[in-house]
Amino acid sequence: MIREACAALLLAAATPAAAQQICASRDVLVDSLSKDYSESVLGLGMDSEGNVIELLTARDGTTWTLLITTPDGTSCVMSTGQSWESMPQTLAGRDA
């Protein structure tokens, strides 16, 4: 549902001013992604603006979603995709 809405918005946006994001409370978005796509949080971090960035993926890697949550608590879907593949962490370009 969210993914289809994202695709429709991206196709409908003829100019940057027309571009829209899907935003809601974090709980609503995470719950929907969990129910509709079996996605859960793989990792998160905070950017220099105080926003929390989260990557959610399906366990089998079929789908992924990038969320941003602002300090006021609003969460927005920033990007979605398919075929996520986790890579092992490396240290200085070498396998740890």
N, C-alpha and C. Protein backbone atom coordinates (compact mmCIF):
# COMPACT_ATOMS: atom_id res chain seq x y z
N MET A 1 0.82 -1.18 0.00
CA MET A 1 0.00 0.00 0.00
C MET A 1 0.87 1.25 0.00
N ILE A 2 1.79 1.36 0.94
CA ILE A 2 2.68 2.53 1.00
C ILE A 2 3.57 2.57 -0.23
N ARG A 3 4.12 1.42 -0.63
CA ARG A 3 5.02 1.35 -1.76
C ARG A 3 4.32 1.78 -3.05
N GLU A 4 3.08 1.33 -3.24
CA GLU A 4 2.32 1.71 -4.43
C GLU A 4 2.03 3.21 -4.43
N ALA A 5 1.71 3.74 -3.26
CA ALA A 5 1.46 5.18 -3.15
C ALA A 5 2.71 5.97 -3.46
N CYS A 6 3.87 5.49 -3.01
CA CYS A 6 5.14 6.15 -3.32
C CYS A 6 5.38 6.17 -4.82
N ALA A 7 5.17 5.03 -5.46
CA ALA A 7 5.38 4.94 -6.91
C ALA A 7 4.44 5.89 -7.65
N ALA A 8 3.19 5.94 -7.22
CA ALA A 8 2.22 6.84 -7.87
C ALA A 8 2.63 8.29 -7.70
N LEU A 9 3.09 8.66 -6.51
CA LEU A 9 3.51 10.04 -6.27
C LEU A 9 4.73 10.40 -7.12
N LEU A 10 5.67 9.47 -7.23
CA LEU A 10 6.86 9.75 -8.03
C LEU A 10 6.51 9.91 -9.50
N LEU A 11 5.62 9.09 -10.00
CA LEU A 11 5.21 9.21 -11.39
C LEU A 11 4.42 10.48 -11.65
N ALA A 12 3.63 10.91 -10.68
CA ALA A 12 2.78 12.09 -10.85
C ALA A 12 3.54 13.39 -10.69
N ALA A 13 4.71 13.35 -10.06
CA ALA A 13 5.45 14.58 -9.78
C ALA A 13 6.19 15.06 -11.02
N ALA A 14 5.66 16.09 -11.67
CA ALA A 14 6.28 16.61 -12.89
C ALA A 14 7.40 17.59 -12.57
N THR A 15 7.30 18.26 -11.44
CA THR A 15 8.32 19.22 -11.04
C THR A 15 8.66 18.98 -9.58
N PRO A 16 9.83 19.44 -9.12
CA PRO A 16 10.16 19.27 -7.71
C PRO A 16 9.12 19.87 -6.77
N ALA A 17 8.48 20.95 -7.17
CA ALA A 17 7.47 21.56 -6.32
C ALA A 17 6.25 20.66 -6.16
N ALA A 18 6.03 19.80 -7.15
CA ALA A 18 4.87 18.90 -7.09
C ALA A 18 5.17 17.62 -6.32
N ALA A 19 6.44 17.38 -6.04
CA ALA A 19 6.82 16.14 -5.35
C ALA A 19 6.25 16.14 -3.93
N GLN A 20 5.74 14.99 -3.52
CA GLN A 20 5.18 14.84 -2.18
C GLN A 20 5.80 13.61 -1.54
N GLN A 21 5.80 13.57 -0.21
CA GLN A 21 6.29 12.43 0.52
C GLN A 21 5.15 11.82 1.32
N ILE A 22 5.28 10.56 1.63
CA ILE A 22 4.34 9.91 2.53
C ILE A 22 4.87 10.10 3.94
N CYS A 23 4.14 10.80 4.77
CA CYS A 23 4.54 11.08 6.15
C CYS A 23 3.41 10.72 7.10
N ALA A 24 3.80 10.22 8.26
CA ALA A 24 2.84 9.86 9.30
C ALA A 24 3.63 9.66 10.58
N SER A 25 2.96 9.22 11.63
CA SER A 25 3.72 8.91 12.84
C SER A 25 4.58 7.68 12.56
N ARG A 26 5.70 7.58 13.23
CA ARG A 26 6.63 6.47 13.02
C ARG A 26 5.92 5.14 13.27
N ASP A 27 5.15 5.07 14.35
CA ASP A 27 4.46 3.83 14.70
C ASP A 27 3.55 3.35 13.57
N VAL A 28 2.83 4.27 12.95
CA VAL A 28 1.91 3.92 11.86
C VAL A 28 2.69 3.38 10.67
N LEU A 29 3.77 4.08 10.29
CA LEU A 29 4.55 3.64 9.13
C LEU A 29 5.23 2.30 9.38
N VAL A 30 5.87 2.14 10.53
CA VAL A 30 6.58 0.90 10.83
C VAL A 30 5.60 -0.27 10.93
N ASP A 31 4.45 -0.03 11.54
CA ASP A 31 3.44 -1.08 11.65
C ASP A 31 2.94 -1.50 10.27
N SER A 32 2.68 -0.53 9.40
CA SER A 32 2.21 -0.83 8.06
C SER A 32 3.27 -1.59 7.25
N LEU A 33 4.52 -1.16 7.36
CA LEU A 33 5.59 -1.85 6.62
C LEU A 33 5.79 -3.27 7.14
N SER A 34 5.61 -3.45 8.43
CA SER A 34 5.72 -4.78 9.02
C SER A 34 4.59 -5.70 8.52
N LYS A 35 3.37 -5.20 8.57
CA LYS A 35 2.21 -6.00 8.16
C LYS A 35 2.18 -6.25 6.66
N ASP A 36 2.44 -5.21 5.85
CA ASP A 36 2.30 -5.32 4.40
C ASP A 36 3.50 -5.96 3.70
N TYR A 37 4.71 -5.78 4.27
CA TYR A 37 5.93 -6.23 3.58
C TYR A 37 6.85 -7.06 4.46
N SER A 38 6.45 -7.34 5.68
CA SER A 38 7.28 -8.10 6.64
C SER A 38 8.64 -7.43 6.85
N GLU A 39 8.65 -6.09 6.80
CA GLU A 39 9.89 -5.35 7.01
C GLU A 39 10.08 -5.01 8.49
N SER A 40 11.34 -5.01 8.90
CA SER A 40 11.70 -4.60 10.25
C SER A 40 12.99 -3.78 10.17
N VAL A 41 13.30 -3.07 11.24
CA VAL A 41 14.45 -2.18 11.25
C VAL A 41 15.75 -3.00 11.20
N LEU A 42 16.58 -2.71 10.20
CA LEU A 42 17.89 -3.35 10.06
C LEU A 42 18.96 -2.51 10.75
N GLY A 43 18.83 -1.20 10.65
CA GLY A 43 19.79 -0.31 11.27
C GLY A 43 19.26 1.11 11.31
N LEU A 44 19.91 1.94 12.13
CA LEU A 44 19.49 3.33 12.23
C LEU A 44 20.66 4.20 12.64
N GLY A 45 20.50 5.48 12.45
CA GLY A 45 21.52 6.45 12.84
C GLY A 45 20.91 7.83 12.90
N MET A 46 21.66 8.77 13.45
CA MET A 46 21.19 10.15 13.55
C MET A 46 22.06 11.02 12.68
N ASP A 47 21.43 11.89 11.90
CA ASP A 47 22.21 12.80 11.06
C ASP A 47 22.53 14.09 11.82
N SER A 48 23.24 14.98 11.17
CA SER A 48 23.70 16.22 11.83
C SER A 48 22.56 17.18 12.15
N GLU A 49 21.38 16.95 11.58
CA GLU A 49 20.22 17.80 11.85
C GLU A 49 19.36 17.26 12.98
N GLY A 50 19.74 16.11 13.55
CA GLY A 50 18.96 15.51 14.61
C GLY A 50 17.86 14.58 14.13
N ASN A 51 17.85 14.29 12.83
CA ASN A 51 16.88 13.36 12.27
C ASN A 51 17.37 11.93 12.47
N VAL A 52 16.44 11.02 12.73
CA VAL A 52 16.78 9.61 12.83
C VAL A 52 16.49 8.97 11.48
N ILE A 53 17.51 8.32 10.91
CA ILE A 53 17.39 7.63 9.63
C ILE A 53 17.32 6.14 9.93
N GLU A 54 16.32 5.45 9.37
CA GLU A 54 16.17 4.02 9.61
C GLU A 54 16.04 3.27 8.29
N LEU A 55 16.68 2.13 8.22
CA LEU A 55 16.54 1.25 7.08
C LEU A 55 15.77 0.03 7.54
N LEU A 56 14.64 -0.22 6.91
CA LEU A 56 13.83 -1.39 7.18
C LEU A 56 13.94 -2.33 5.99
N THR A 57 14.07 -3.61 6.25
CA THR A 57 14.14 -4.59 5.17
C THR A 57 13.28 -5.80 5.51
N ALA A 58 12.84 -6.48 4.47
CA ALA A 58 12.22 -7.78 4.66
C ALA A 58 13.34 -8.77 4.94
N ARG A 59 13.07 -9.75 5.76
CA ARG A 59 14.10 -10.73 6.14
C ARG A 59 14.73 -11.38 4.92
N ASP A 60 13.93 -11.64 3.88
CA ASP A 60 14.46 -12.30 2.68
C ASP A 60 15.04 -11.31 1.66
N GLY A 61 15.03 -10.02 2.00
CA GLY A 61 15.64 -9.01 1.13
C GLY A 61 14.81 -8.59 -0.06
N THR A 62 13.56 -9.05 -0.14
CA THR A 62 12.75 -8.70 -1.30
C THR A 62 12.42 -7.22 -1.36
N THR A 63 12.25 -6.56 -0.21
CA THR A 63 11.92 -5.13 -0.20
C THR A 63 12.71 -4.42 0.89
N TRP A 64 12.82 -3.08 0.74
CA TRP A 64 13.45 -2.24 1.75
C TRP A 64 12.81 -0.86 1.71
N THR A 65 12.90 -0.16 2.84
CA THR A 65 12.35 1.19 2.96
C THR A 65 13.30 2.04 3.80
N LEU A 66 13.53 3.27 3.36
CA LEU A 66 14.34 4.22 4.11
C LEU A 66 13.40 5.25 4.71
N LEU A 67 13.41 5.34 6.05
CA LEU A 67 12.57 6.30 6.77
C LEU A 67 13.44 7.39 7.40
N ILE A 68 12.88 8.57 7.51
CA ILE A 68 13.51 9.65 8.27
C ILE A 68 12.48 10.15 9.27
N THR A 69 12.92 10.30 10.52
CA THR A 69 12.05 10.84 11.56
C THR A 69 12.68 12.13 12.07
N THR A 70 11.93 13.22 11.98
CA THR A 70 12.43 14.52 12.39
C THR A 70 12.32 14.67 13.90
N PRO A 71 13.03 15.65 14.47
CA PRO A 71 12.96 15.86 15.92
C PRO A 71 11.54 16.09 16.45
N ASP A 72 10.63 16.59 15.61
CA ASP A 72 9.24 16.80 16.08
C ASP A 72 8.42 15.51 16.06
N GLY A 73 9.03 14.39 15.61
CA GLY A 73 8.37 13.09 15.65
C GLY A 73 7.71 12.66 14.36
N THR A 74 7.71 13.51 13.34
CA THR A 74 7.13 13.14 12.05
C THR A 74 8.08 12.22 11.29
N SER A 75 7.55 11.13 10.75
CA SER A 75 8.34 10.20 9.96
C SER A 75 7.88 10.25 8.51
N CYS A 76 8.84 10.14 7.58
CA CYS A 76 8.53 10.16 6.16
C CYS A 76 9.30 9.06 5.45
N VAL A 77 8.65 8.45 4.46
CA VAL A 77 9.30 7.47 3.60
C VAL A 77 10.16 8.26 2.61
N MET A 78 11.46 8.02 2.62
CA MET A 78 12.37 8.74 1.73
C MET A 78 12.65 7.96 0.46
N SER A 79 12.67 6.64 0.55
CA SER A 79 12.95 5.81 -0.61
C SER A 79 12.50 4.39 -0.32
N THR A 80 12.18 3.66 -1.37
CA THR A 80 11.82 2.25 -1.26
C THR A 80 12.47 1.50 -2.40
N GLY A 81 12.60 0.20 -2.23
CA GLY A 81 13.19 -0.58 -3.32
C GLY A 81 13.05 -2.07 -3.10
N GLN A 82 13.73 -2.80 -3.95
CA GLN A 82 13.70 -4.26 -3.92
C GLN A 82 15.12 -4.79 -3.93
N SER A 83 15.24 -6.06 -3.63
CA SER A 83 16.50 -6.80 -3.72
C SER A 83 17.59 -6.24 -2.83
N TRP A 84 17.29 -6.06 -1.54
CA TRP A 84 18.30 -5.61 -0.59
C TRP A 84 19.26 -6.74 -0.29
N GLU A 85 20.55 -6.43 -0.22
CA GLU A 85 21.55 -7.42 0.16
C GLU A 85 22.45 -6.82 1.22
N SER A 86 22.49 -7.42 2.40
CA SER A 86 23.36 -6.94 3.47
C SER A 86 24.79 -7.39 3.18
N MET A 87 25.72 -6.52 3.49
CA MET A 87 27.14 -6.81 3.28
C MET A 87 27.83 -6.86 4.64
N PRO A 88 28.86 -7.68 4.77
CA PRO A 88 29.58 -7.72 6.05
C PRO A 88 30.30 -6.39 6.27
N GLN A 89 30.40 -5.97 7.53
CA GLN A 89 31.14 -4.75 7.84
C GLN A 89 32.61 -4.99 7.57
N THR A 90 33.28 -3.94 7.11
CA THR A 90 34.71 -4.05 6.88
C THR A 90 35.42 -2.94 7.62
N LEU A 91 36.70 -3.14 7.90
CA LEU A 91 37.52 -2.17 8.57
C LEU A 91 38.59 -1.71 7.58
N ALA A 92 38.62 -0.44 7.27
CA ALA A 92 39.60 0.11 6.33
C ALA A 92 39.63 -0.65 5.02
N GLY A 93 38.45 -1.01 4.52
CA GLY A 93 38.37 -1.65 3.23
C GLY A 93 38.72 -3.13 3.23
N ARG A 94 38.98 -3.70 4.39
CA ARG A 94 39.30 -5.12 4.48
C ARG A 94 38.27 -5.81 5.34
N ASP A 95 38.02 -7.08 5.07
CA ASP A 95 37.09 -7.84 5.91
C ASP A 95 37.56 -7.85 7.34
N ALA A 96 36.61 -7.66 8.24
CA ALA A 96 36.93 -7.66 9.69
C ALA A 96 37.11 -9.08 10.19
